[in-house]
C-alpha atoms as a PDB file:
ATOM      1  CA  UNK A   1      -4.312 -11.992   0.727  1.00  0.00           C
ATOM      2  CA  UNK A   2      -1.490 -12.854   3.589  1.00  0.00           C
ATOM      3  CA  UNK A   3      -4.082 -11.800   6.394  1.00  0.00           C
ATOM      4  CA  UNK A   4      -7.073 -13.803   4.759  1.00  0.00           C
ATOM      5  CA  UNK A   5      -4.759 -16.682   5.076  1.00  0.00           C
ATOM      6  CA  UNK A   6      -3.956 -15.770   8.563  1.00  0.00           C
ATOM      7  CA  UNK A   7      -7.723 -15.604   9.582  1.00  0.00           C
ATOM      8  CA  UNK A   8      -8.540 -18.232   8.339  1.00  0.00           C
ATOM      9  CA  UNK A   9      -6.024 -20.508   9.861  1.00  0.00           C
ATOM     10  CA  UNK A  10      -6.855 -18.947  12.619  1.00  0.00           C
ATOM     11  CA  UNK A  11     -10.513 -19.983  12.523  1.00  0.00           C
ATOM     12  CA  UNK A  12      -9.528 -23.783  11.635  1.00  0.00           C
ATOM     13  CA  UNK A  13      -7.460 -24.048  14.615  1.00  0.00           C
ATOM     14  CA  UNK A  14     -10.020 -22.432  16.712  1.00  0.00           C
ATOM     15  CA  UNK A  15     -12.544 -24.482  15.445  1.00  0.00           C
ATOM     16  CA  UNK A  16     -10.487 -27.337  16.411  1.00  0.00           C
ATOM     17  CA  UNK A  17      -9.141 -26.643  19.719  1.00  0.00           C
ATOM     18  CA  UNK A  18     -12.487 -25.687  20.620  1.00  0.00           C
ATOM     19  CA  UNK A  19     -14.907 -28.601  18.898  1.00  0.00           C
ATOM     20  CA  UNK A  20     -16.060 -29.770  22.060  1.00  0.00           C
ATOM     21  CA  UNK A  21     -17.640 -26.635  23.162  1.00  0.00           C
ATOM     22  CA  UNK A  22     -21.736 -25.815  22.711  1.00  0.00           C
ATOM     23  CA  UNK A  23     -22.015 -23.761  19.615  1.00  0.00           C
ATOM     24  CA  UNK A  24     -24.212 -21.669  22.257  1.00  0.00           C
ATOM     25  CA  UNK A  25     -21.633 -21.236  25.093  1.00  0.00           C
ATOM     26  CA  UNK A  26     -20.940 -17.416  25.844  1.00  0.00           C
ATOM     27  CA  UNK A  27     -17.333 -16.720  25.562  1.00  0.00           C
ATOM     28  CA  UNK A  28     -16.982 -12.930  25.531  1.00  0.00           C
ATOM     29  CA  UNK A  29     -19.076  -9.823  25.653  1.00  0.00           C
ATOM     30  CA  UNK A  30     -18.228  -6.875  23.732  1.00  0.00           C
ATOM     31  CA  UNK A  31     -20.413  -3.622  24.455  1.00  0.00           C
ATOM     32  CA  UNK A  32     -22.559  -5.350  26.036  1.00  0.00           C
ATOM     33  CA  UNK A  33     -22.655  -8.195  23.102  1.00  0.00           C
ATOM     34  CA  UNK A  34     -22.598 -11.553  23.627  1.00  0.00           C
ATOM     35  CA  UNK A  35     -19.828 -14.007  21.461  1.00  0.00           C
ATOM     36  CA  UNK A  36     -20.743 -17.409  21.292  1.00  0.00           C
ATOM     37  CA  UNK A  37     -18.654 -20.306  20.124  1.00  0.00           C
ATOM     38  CA  UNK A  38     -20.425 -19.990  17.056  1.00  0.00           C
ATOM     39  CA  UNK A  39     -19.397 -16.700  16.439  1.00  0.00           C
ATOM     40  CA  UNK A  40     -15.989 -17.462  16.867  1.00  0.00           C
ATOM     41  CA  UNK A  41     -16.062 -20.188  14.653  1.00  0.00           C
ATOM     42  CA  UNK A  42     -17.329 -18.374  11.454  1.00  0.00           C
ATOM     43  CA  UNK A  43     -15.261 -15.210  12.462  1.00  0.00           C
ATOM     44  CA  UNK A  44     -12.048 -15.327  14.741  1.00  0.00           C
ATOM     45  CA  UNK A  45     -12.486 -13.739  18.074  1.00  0.00           C
ATOM     46  CA  UNK A  46      -9.689 -11.163  17.455  1.00  0.00           C
ATOM     47  CA  UNK A  47     -11.687  -9.666  14.786  1.00  0.00           C
ATOM     48  CA  UNK A  48     -15.272  -9.738  16.486  1.00  0.00           C
ATOM     49  CA  UNK A  49     -13.995  -8.140  19.074  1.00  0.00           C
ATOM     50  CA  UNK A  50     -11.463  -5.150  17.480  1.00  0.00           C
ATOM     51  CA  UNK A  51     -13.658  -4.639  14.806  1.00  0.00           C
ATOM     52  CA  UNK A  52     -16.358  -3.058  17.319  1.00  0.00           C
ATOM     53  CA  UNK A  53     -14.280  -1.529  19.613  1.00  0.00           C
ATOM     54  CA  UNK A  54     -12.394   0.036  16.697  1.00  0.00           C
ATOM     55  CA  UNK A  55     -16.466   0.881  15.388  1.00  0.00           C
ATOM     56  CA  UNK A  56     -16.746   2.829  18.244  1.00  0.00           C
ATOM     57  CA  UNK A  57     -13.582   4.674  18.455  1.00  0.00           C
ATOM     58  CA  UNK A  58     -14.159   5.814  15.206  1.00  0.00           C
ATOM     59  CA  UNK A  59     -18.082   7.262  16.296  1.00  0.00           C
ATOM     60  CA  UNK A  60     -16.397   8.331  19.256  1.00  0.00           C
ATOM     61  CA  UNK A  61     -13.937  10.276  17.461  1.00  0.00           C
ATOM     62  CA  UNK A  62     -16.071  11.984  14.695  1.00  0.00           C
ATOM     63  CA  UNK A  63     -14.398   9.481  11.938  1.00  0.00           C
ATOM     64  CA  UNK A  64     -15.733   9.216   9.075  1.00  0.00           C
ATOM     65  CA  UNK A  65     -14.873   9.332   5.346  1.00  0.00           C
ATOM     66  CA  UNK A  66     -15.919  12.199   2.895  1.00  0.00           C
ATOM     67  CA  UNK A  67     -16.707  12.452  -0.348  1.00  0.00           C
ATOM     68  CA  UNK A  68     -13.460  14.735  -0.643  1.00  0.00           C
ATOM     69  CA  UNK A  69     -11.100  11.936   0.772  1.00  0.00           C
ATOM     70  CA  UNK A  70     -13.068   9.640  -2.084  1.00  0.00           C
ATOM     71  CA  UNK A  71     -12.165  12.199  -4.998  1.00  0.00           C
ATOM     72  CA  UNK A  72      -8.921  12.419  -3.912  1.00  0.00           C
ATOM     73  CA  UNK A  73      -8.341   8.476  -3.746  1.00  0.00           C
ATOM     74  CA  UNK A  74     -10.179   8.059  -7.055  1.00  0.00           C
ATOM     75  CA  UNK A  75      -8.158  10.486  -8.925  1.00  0.00           C
ATOM     76  CA  UNK A  76      -5.023   8.349  -7.397  1.00  0.00           C
ATOM     77  CA  UNK A  77      -6.685   5.375  -8.753  1.00  0.00           C
ATOM     78  CA  UNK A  78      -7.256   6.674 -12.205  1.00  0.00           C
ATOM     79  CA  UNK A  79      -4.216   8.378 -12.523  1.00  0.00           C
ATOM     80  CA  UNK A  80      -2.256   4.620 -11.185  1.00  0.00           C
ATOM     81  CA  UNK A  81      -4.330   2.364 -13.372  1.00  0.00           C
ATOM     82  CA  UNK A  82      -3.353   4.764 -16.426  1.00  0.00           C
ATOM     83  CA  UNK A  83      -0.088   4.472 -15.728  1.00  0.00           C
ATOM     84  CA  UNK A  84      -0.545   0.672 -15.195  1.00  0.00           C
ATOM     85  CA  UNK A  85      -1.895   0.237 -18.710  1.00  0.00           C
ATOM     86  CA  UNK A  86       1.472   2.184 -20.213  1.00  0.00           C
ATOM     87  CA  UNK A  87       3.824   0.417 -18.719  1.00  0.00           C
ATOM     88  CA  UNK A  88       2.090  -3.370 -18.779  1.00  0.00           C
ATOM     89  CA  UNK A  89      -0.587  -3.199 -21.928  1.00  0.00           C
ATOM     90  CA  UNK A  90      -2.707  -6.263 -21.281  1.00  0.00           C
ATOM     91  CA  UNK A  91      -2.122  -7.003 -17.575  1.00  0.00           C
ATOM     92  CA  UNK A  92      -4.396  -5.102 -15.896  1.00  0.00           C
ATOM     93  CA  UNK A  93      -5.096  -7.096 -12.715  1.00  0.00           C
ATOM     94  CA  UNK A  94      -9.360  -8.486 -12.490  1.00  0.00           C
ATOM     95  CA  UNK A  95     -11.591  -5.801 -11.606  1.00  0.00           C
ATOM     96  CA  UNK A  96      -9.125  -3.050 -11.704  1.00  0.00           C
ATOM     97  CA  UNK A  97     -11.115  -1.251 -14.311  1.00  0.00           C
ATOM     98  CA  UNK A  98     -14.039  -1.139 -12.153  1.00  0.00           C
ATOM     99  CA  UNK A  99     -14.923   2.064 -10.509  1.00  0.00           C
ATOM    100  CA  UNK A 100     -17.572   0.859  -7.809  1.00  0.00           C
ATOM    101  CA  UNK A 101     -15.185  -1.869  -6.726  1.00  0.00           C
ATOM    102  CA  UNK A 102     -12.165   0.498  -6.394  1.00  0.00           C
ATOM    103  CA  UNK A 103     -14.770   3.266  -4.209  1.00  0.00           C
ATOM    104  CA  UNK A 104     -15.268   0.132  -2.289  1.00  0.00           C
ATOM    105  CA  UNK A 105     -11.371  -0.380  -2.002  1.00  0.00           C
ATOM    106  CA  UNK A 106     -11.397   2.596  -1.091  1.00  0.00           C
ATOM    107  CA  UNK A 107     -13.676   3.169   1.925  1.00  0.00           C
ATOM    108  CA  UNK A 108     -11.461   0.740   3.291  1.00  0.00           C
ATOM    109  CA  UNK A 109      -8.240   2.017   3.252  1.00  0.00           C
ATOM    110  CA  UNK A 110      -9.554   5.312   3.952  1.00  0.00           C
ATOM    111  CA  UNK A 111     -11.215   4.804   6.930  1.00  0.00           C
ATOM    112  CA  UNK A 112      -8.499   2.428   8.624  1.00  0.00           C
ATOM    113  CA  UNK A 113      -5.510   5.366   7.754  1.00  0.00           C
ATOM    114  CA  UNK A 114      -7.534   7.834   9.782  1.00  0.00           C
ATOM    115  CA  UNK A 115      -8.870   5.522  12.699  1.00  0.00           C
ATOM    116  CA  UNK A 116      -4.752   4.023  12.904  1.00  0.00           C
ATOM    117  CA  UNK A 117      -3.495   7.929  12.355  1.00  0.00           C
ATOM    118  CA  UNK A 118      -5.980   8.527  15.403  1.00  0.00           C
ATOM    119  CA  UNK A 119      -4.525   5.927  17.102  1.00  0.00           C
ATOM    120  CA  UNK A 120      -1.218   6.417  16.839  1.00  0.00           C
ATOM    121  CA  UNK A 121      -1.853  10.577  17.684  1.00  0.00           C
ATOM    122  CA  UNK A 122      -3.359   9.392  20.926  1.00  0.00           C
ATOM    123  CA  UNK A 123      -0.235   6.475  22.060  1.00  0.00           C
ATOM    124  CA  UNK A 124       2.043   6.484  19.726  1.00  0.00           C
ATOM    125  CA  UNK A 125       4.509   3.352  19.677  1.00  0.00           C
ATOM    126  CA  UNK A 126       5.548   1.619  16.859  1.00  0.00           C
ATOM    127  CA  UNK A 127       3.897   0.066  14.062  1.00  0.00           C
ATOM    128  CA  UNK A 128       4.213  -2.367  10.895  1.00  0.00           C
ATOM    129  CA  UNK A 129       3.058  -3.103   7.491  1.00  0.00           C
ATOM    130  CA  UNK A 130      -0.305  -4.632   7.215  1.00  0.00           C
ATOM    131  CA  UNK A 131      -3.106  -5.392   4.715  1.00  0.00           C
ATOM    132  CA  UNK A 132      -4.566  -2.020   4.873  1.00  0.00           C
ATOM    133  CA  UNK A 133      -1.492  -0.160   5.017  1.00  0.00           C
ATOM    134  CA  UNK A 134       0.556   0.799   8.159  1.00  0.00           C
ATOM    135  CA  UNK A 135      -1.005  -0.346  11.073  1.00  0.00           C
ATOM    136  CA  UNK A 136       0.494   0.908  14.407  1.00  0.00           C
ATOM    137  CA  UNK A 137       1.042  -2.001  16.500  1.00  0.00           C
ATOM    138  CA  UNK A 138       1.734  -0.595  19.743  1.00  0.00           C
ATOM    139  CA  UNK A 139      -0.827   1.991  19.834  1.00  0.00           C
ATOM    140  CA  UNK A 140      -3.707  -1.037  18.833  1.00  0.00           C
ATOM    141  CA  UNK A 141      -2.443  -3.276  21.543  1.00  0.00           C
ATOM    142  CA  UNK A 142      -2.680   0.185  24.145  1.00  0.00           C
ATOM    143  CA  UNK A 143      -5.740   0.893  23.354  1.00  0.00           C
ATOM    144  CA  UNK A 144      -7.135  -3.403  23.504  1.00  0.00           C
ATOM    145  CA  UNK A 145      -5.675  -3.632  26.628  1.00  0.00           C
ATOM    146  CA  UNK A 146      -7.005  -0.311  28.232  1.00  0.00           C
ATOM    147  CA  UNK A 147     -10.568  -1.208  26.460  1.00  0.00           C
ATOM    148  CA  UNK A 148      -9.871  -4.424  28.750  1.00  0.00           C
ATOM    149  CA  UNK A 149      -9.021  -2.570  31.838  1.00  0.00           C
ATOM    150  CA  UNK A 150     -12.350  -0.518  31.409  1.00  0.00           C
ATOM    151  CA  UNK A 151     -14.976  -2.953  30.772  1.00  0.00           C
ATOM    152  CA  UNK A 152     -15.434  -2.534  27.125  1.00  0.00           C
ATOM    153  CA  UNK A 153     -14.493  -6.671  26.339  1.00  0.00           C
ATOM    154  CA  UNK A 154     -14.439  -9.718  28.762  1.00  0.00           C
ATOM    155  CA  UNK A 155     -13.076 -13.000  27.577  1.00  0.00           C
ATOM    156  CA  UNK A 156     -15.222 -15.791  29.496  1.00  0.00           C
ATOM    157  CA  UNK A 157     -12.962 -18.394  28.371  1.00  0.00           C
ATOM    158  CA  UNK A 158      -9.216 -19.016  29.160  1.00  0.00           C
ATOM    159  CA  UNK A 159      -8.435 -20.582  25.634  1.00  0.00           C
ATOM    160  CA  UNK A 160     -10.156 -17.780  23.689  1.00  0.00           C
ATOM    161  CA  UNK A 161      -8.474 -15.180  25.670  1.00  0.00           C
ATOM    162  CA  UNK A 162      -4.613 -16.638  24.842  1.00  0.00           C
ATOM    163  CA  UNK A 163      -6.149 -16.656  21.274  1.00  0.00           C
ATOM    164  CA  UNK A 164      -6.916 -13.300  21.001  1.00  0.00           C
ATOM    165  CA  UNK A 165      -3.351 -11.968  22.430  1.00  0.00           C
ATOM    166  CA  UNK A 166      -1.517 -14.314  20.636  1.00  0.00           C
ATOM    167  CA  UNK A 167      -1.276 -12.082  17.742  1.00  0.00           C
ATOM    168  CA  UNK A 168      -0.465  -8.640  19.879  1.00  0.00           C
ATOM    169  CA  UNK A 169       1.854 -10.489  22.124  1.00  0.00           C
ATOM    170  CA  UNK A 170       4.148 -12.829  20.079  1.00  0.00           C
ATOM    171  CA  UNK A 171       7.663 -11.895  19.737  1.00  0.00           C
ATOM    172  CA  UNK A 172      10.009 -11.253  16.783  1.00  0.00           C
ATOM    173  CA  UNK A 173       7.856  -9.417  15.199  1.00  0.00           C
ATOM    174  CA  UNK A 174       9.605  -6.841  13.309  1.00  0.00           C
ATOM    175  CA  UNK A 175       8.484  -3.477  13.907  1.00  0.00           C
ATOM    176  CA  UNK A 176       9.061  -0.049  12.541  1.00  0.00           C
ATOM    177  CA  UNK A 177      10.288   2.641  14.919  1.00  0.00           C
ATOM    178  CA  UNK A 178       7.685   5.257  16.346  1.00  0.00           C
ATOM    179  CA  UNK A 179       9.604   8.229  14.084  1.00  0.00           C
ATOM    180  CA  UNK A 180       9.675   6.526  11.379  1.00  0.00           C
ATOM    181  CA  UNK A 181       6.077   5.342  11.809  1.00  0.00           C
ATOM    182  CA  UNK A 182       5.067   8.740  12.292  1.00  0.00           C
ATOM    183  CA  UNK A 183       5.944   9.333   8.885  1.00  0.00           C
ATOM    184  CA  UNK A 184       4.583   6.676   7.454  1.00  0.00           C
ATOM    185  CA  UNK A 185       1.314   7.724   9.054  1.00  0.00           C
ATOM    186  CA  UNK A 186       1.338  11.365   8.387  1.00  0.00           C
ATOM    187  CA  UNK A 187      -0.466  11.334   5.281  1.00  0.00           C
ATOM    188  CA  UNK A 188      -2.291   8.135   3.125  1.00  0.00           C
ATOM    189  CA  UNK A 189       0.067   6.820  -0.007  1.00  0.00           C
ATOM    190  CA  UNK A 190      -2.850   8.101  -2.098  1.00  0.00           C
ATOM    191  CA  UNK A 191      -1.958  11.975  -1.404  1.00  0.00           C
ATOM    192  CA  UNK A 192       2.025  11.587  -1.117  1.00  0.00           C
ATOM    193  CA  UNK A 193       2.511  10.329  -4.207  1.00  0.00           C
ATOM    194  CA  UNK A 194       3.615  11.605  -7.509  1.00  0.00           C
ATOM    195  CA  UNK A 195       1.327   9.732  -9.144  1.00  0.00           C
ATOM    196  CA  UNK A 196      -1.431  11.584  -7.208  1.00  0.00           C
ATOM    197  CA  UNK A 197       0.077  15.379  -8.254  1.00  0.00           C
ATOM    198  CA  UNK A 198       0.130  14.325 -11.805  1.00  0.00           C
ATOM    199  CA  UNK A 199      -3.733  12.998 -11.589  1.00  0.00           C
ATOM    200  CA  UNK A 200      -4.619  16.398 -10.335  1.00  0.00           C
ATOM    201  CA  UNK A 201      -3.046  18.309 -13.092  1.00  0.00           C
ATOM    202  CA  UNK A 202      -5.302  16.166 -15.291  1.00  0.00           C
ATOM    203  CA  UNK A 203      -8.148  16.569 -13.632  1.00  0.00           C
END
């Protein structure tokens, strides 16, 4: 929810700042695809660029979510639901009993962890907590800087350039030290908890 609010605020600010621009103006090029003002009004420019670059990184590094990954996550999910029902009868969140929805969430969580783990293994650095788990903050920033230097993307508008880098170059961020980040990223939460081990025993 926090990430969604931030994204909405960013989109609102972008629209206000660039409201006079022609929606068809090209403001960036990422992996050969043009990004227009209209595109960045609907989706924040950092999401557009980061999404394309991380998708390619995943393909280049053969990162994919396997059925084994999904089975492990769903085993944790089922046991977590049981424990939630035992602890707080009748208070299960809406949608928490929907296996199809849980599987969709599993795909996002697993894919994100694998990509973040691969980035951390390559670049190292500090991390922080984000909506889809522990994010290797320094590694992602270094990856993006490297991608820009190599020409994978170019932002043609100074205002959007500043908007794009604001998140990654802001000061005062409380970050997790590299050694602790390595421990947190070593194993995803659905494989490292007692809940998961109990779920396996019941399978």
